[in-house]
C-alpha atoms as a PDB file:
ATOM      1  CA  UNK A   1      -0.124  -0.178   0.204  1.00  0.00           C
ATOM      2  CA  UNK A   2       2.888   2.721   0.647  1.00  0.00           C
ATOM      3  CA  UNK A   3       4.360   2.193  -2.830  1.00  0.00           C
ATOM      4  CA  UNK A   4       0.666   3.043  -4.341  1.00  0.00           C
ATOM      5  CA  UNK A   5       0.687   5.980  -1.963  1.00  0.00           C
ATOM      6  CA  UNK A   6       3.759   7.401  -3.662  1.00  0.00           C
ATOM      7  CA  UNK A   7       3.182   7.099  -6.338  1.00  0.00           C
ATOM      8  CA  UNK A   8       0.251   9.226  -6.177  1.00  0.00           C
ATOM      9  CA  UNK A   9       1.684  11.723  -4.340  1.00  0.00           C
ATOM     10  CA  UNK A  10       5.253  12.008  -6.640  1.00  0.00           C
ATOM     11  CA  UNK A  11       2.640  11.319  -9.932  1.00  0.00           C
ATOM     12  CA  UNK A  12       0.516  14.315  -8.744  1.00  0.00           C
ATOM     13  CA  UNK A  13       3.432  16.913  -7.474  1.00  0.00           C
ATOM     14  CA  UNK A  14       4.957  16.371 -10.767  1.00  0.00           C
ATOM     15  CA  UNK A  15       1.279  17.122 -12.579  1.00  0.00           C
ATOM     16  CA  UNK A  16       1.574  20.090 -10.755  1.00  0.00           C
ATOM     17  CA  UNK A  17       4.973  21.380 -11.879  1.00  0.00           C
ATOM     18  CA  UNK A  18       4.333  20.743 -15.791  1.00  0.00           C
ATOM     19  CA  UNK A  19       1.540  22.632 -14.899  1.00  0.00           C
ATOM     20  CA  UNK A  20       3.376  25.349 -13.835  1.00  0.00           C
ATOM     21  CA  UNK A  21       5.994  25.710 -15.922  1.00  0.00           C
ATOM     22  CA  UNK A  22       3.719  25.841 -18.989  1.00  0.00           C
ATOM     23  CA  UNK A  23       1.356  28.293 -17.902  1.00  0.00           C
ATOM     24  CA  UNK A  24       4.506  30.474 -16.864  1.00  0.00           C
ATOM     25  CA  UNK A  25       6.515  30.647 -19.810  1.00  0.00           C
ATOM     26  CA  UNK A  26       4.770  28.665 -22.671  1.00  0.00           C
ATOM     27  CA  UNK A  27       6.819  25.366 -21.719  1.00  0.00           C
ATOM     28  CA  UNK A  28      10.067  26.566 -23.596  1.00  0.00           C
ATOM     29  CA  UNK A  29      12.183  27.327 -20.410  1.00  0.00           C
ATOM     30  CA  UNK A  30      14.563  24.784 -18.622  1.00  0.00           C
ATOM     31  CA  UNK A  31      13.919  26.141 -15.225  1.00  0.00           C
ATOM     32  CA  UNK A  32      12.164  22.443 -14.007  1.00  0.00           C
ATOM     33  CA  UNK A  33      12.172  20.394 -16.297  1.00  0.00           C
ATOM     34  CA  UNK A  34      15.132  18.275 -15.253  1.00  0.00           C
ATOM     35  CA  UNK A  35      13.297  18.251 -11.580  1.00  0.00           C
ATOM     36  CA  UNK A  36       9.798  16.760 -12.733  1.00  0.00           C
ATOM     37  CA  UNK A  37      11.415  14.361 -14.754  1.00  0.00           C
ATOM     38  CA  UNK A  38      12.801  13.387 -11.844  1.00  0.00           C
ATOM     39  CA  UNK A  39       9.627  12.696 -10.072  1.00  0.00           C
ATOM     40  CA  UNK A  40       8.148  10.836 -13.211  1.00  0.00           C
ATOM     41  CA  UNK A  41      11.252   8.205 -12.421  1.00  0.00           C
ATOM     42  CA  UNK A  42      10.500   7.834  -8.673  1.00  0.00           C
ATOM     43  CA  UNK A  43       6.703   7.603 -10.239  1.00  0.00           C
ATOM     44  CA  UNK A  44       7.985   4.831 -12.009  1.00  0.00           C
ATOM     45  CA  UNK A  45       9.037   3.520  -9.563  1.00  0.00           C
ATOM     46  CA  UNK A  46       6.697   3.196  -6.641  1.00  0.00           C
ATOM     47  CA  UNK A  47       4.610   1.749  -9.120  1.00  0.00           C
ATOM     48  CA  UNK A  48       7.200  -0.802  -9.589  1.00  0.00           C
ATOM     49  CA  UNK A  49       7.451  -1.312  -6.577  1.00  0.00           C
ATOM     50  CA  UNK A  50       3.930  -1.322  -5.394  1.00  0.00           C
ATOM     51  CA  UNK A  51       3.813  -4.418  -8.788  1.00  0.00           C
ATOM     52  CA  UNK A  52       6.308  -6.595  -6.700  1.00  0.00           C
ATOM     53  CA  UNK A  53       4.904  -6.086  -3.271  1.00  0.00           C
ATOM     54  CA  UNK A  54       1.809  -7.897  -4.389  1.00  0.00           C
ATOM     55  CA  UNK A  55       2.748 -10.733  -7.024  1.00  0.00           C
ATOM     56  CA  UNK A  56       6.408 -11.602  -5.195  1.00  0.00           C
ATOM     57  CA  UNK A  57       5.668 -13.712  -2.571  1.00  0.00           C
ATOM     58  CA  UNK A  58       9.221 -14.932  -0.355  1.00  0.00           C
ATOM     59  CA  UNK A  59      10.085 -18.515  -0.647  1.00  0.00           C
ATOM     60  CA  UNK A  60       9.204 -19.049   3.511  1.00  0.00           C
ATOM     61  CA  UNK A  61       6.378 -17.538   3.379  1.00  0.00           C
ATOM     62  CA  UNK A  62       4.728 -20.039   0.700  1.00  0.00           C
ATOM     63  CA  UNK A  63       1.617 -21.955   1.624  1.00  0.00           C
ATOM     64  CA  UNK A  64       3.380 -25.225  -0.480  1.00  0.00           C
ATOM     65  CA  UNK A  65       6.738 -24.771   2.064  1.00  0.00           C
ATOM     66  CA  UNK A  66       4.827 -24.093   5.203  1.00  0.00           C
ATOM     67  CA  UNK A  67       8.835 -25.044   6.994  1.00  0.00           C
END
């Protein structure tokens, strides 16, 4: 659940930065695109971690191996 919250928060932050960049100078400036791109990468990482959290079951916790 935590990676979903992180991905949502960072995604919202990234979207907000893009909107501000475009509204301020038409998107032509180089002010905050690097920060927005970094946040997009963090969002992708959060989504990947959420996927791993829901699909990966460690072998020692598996029902097929109760020992």
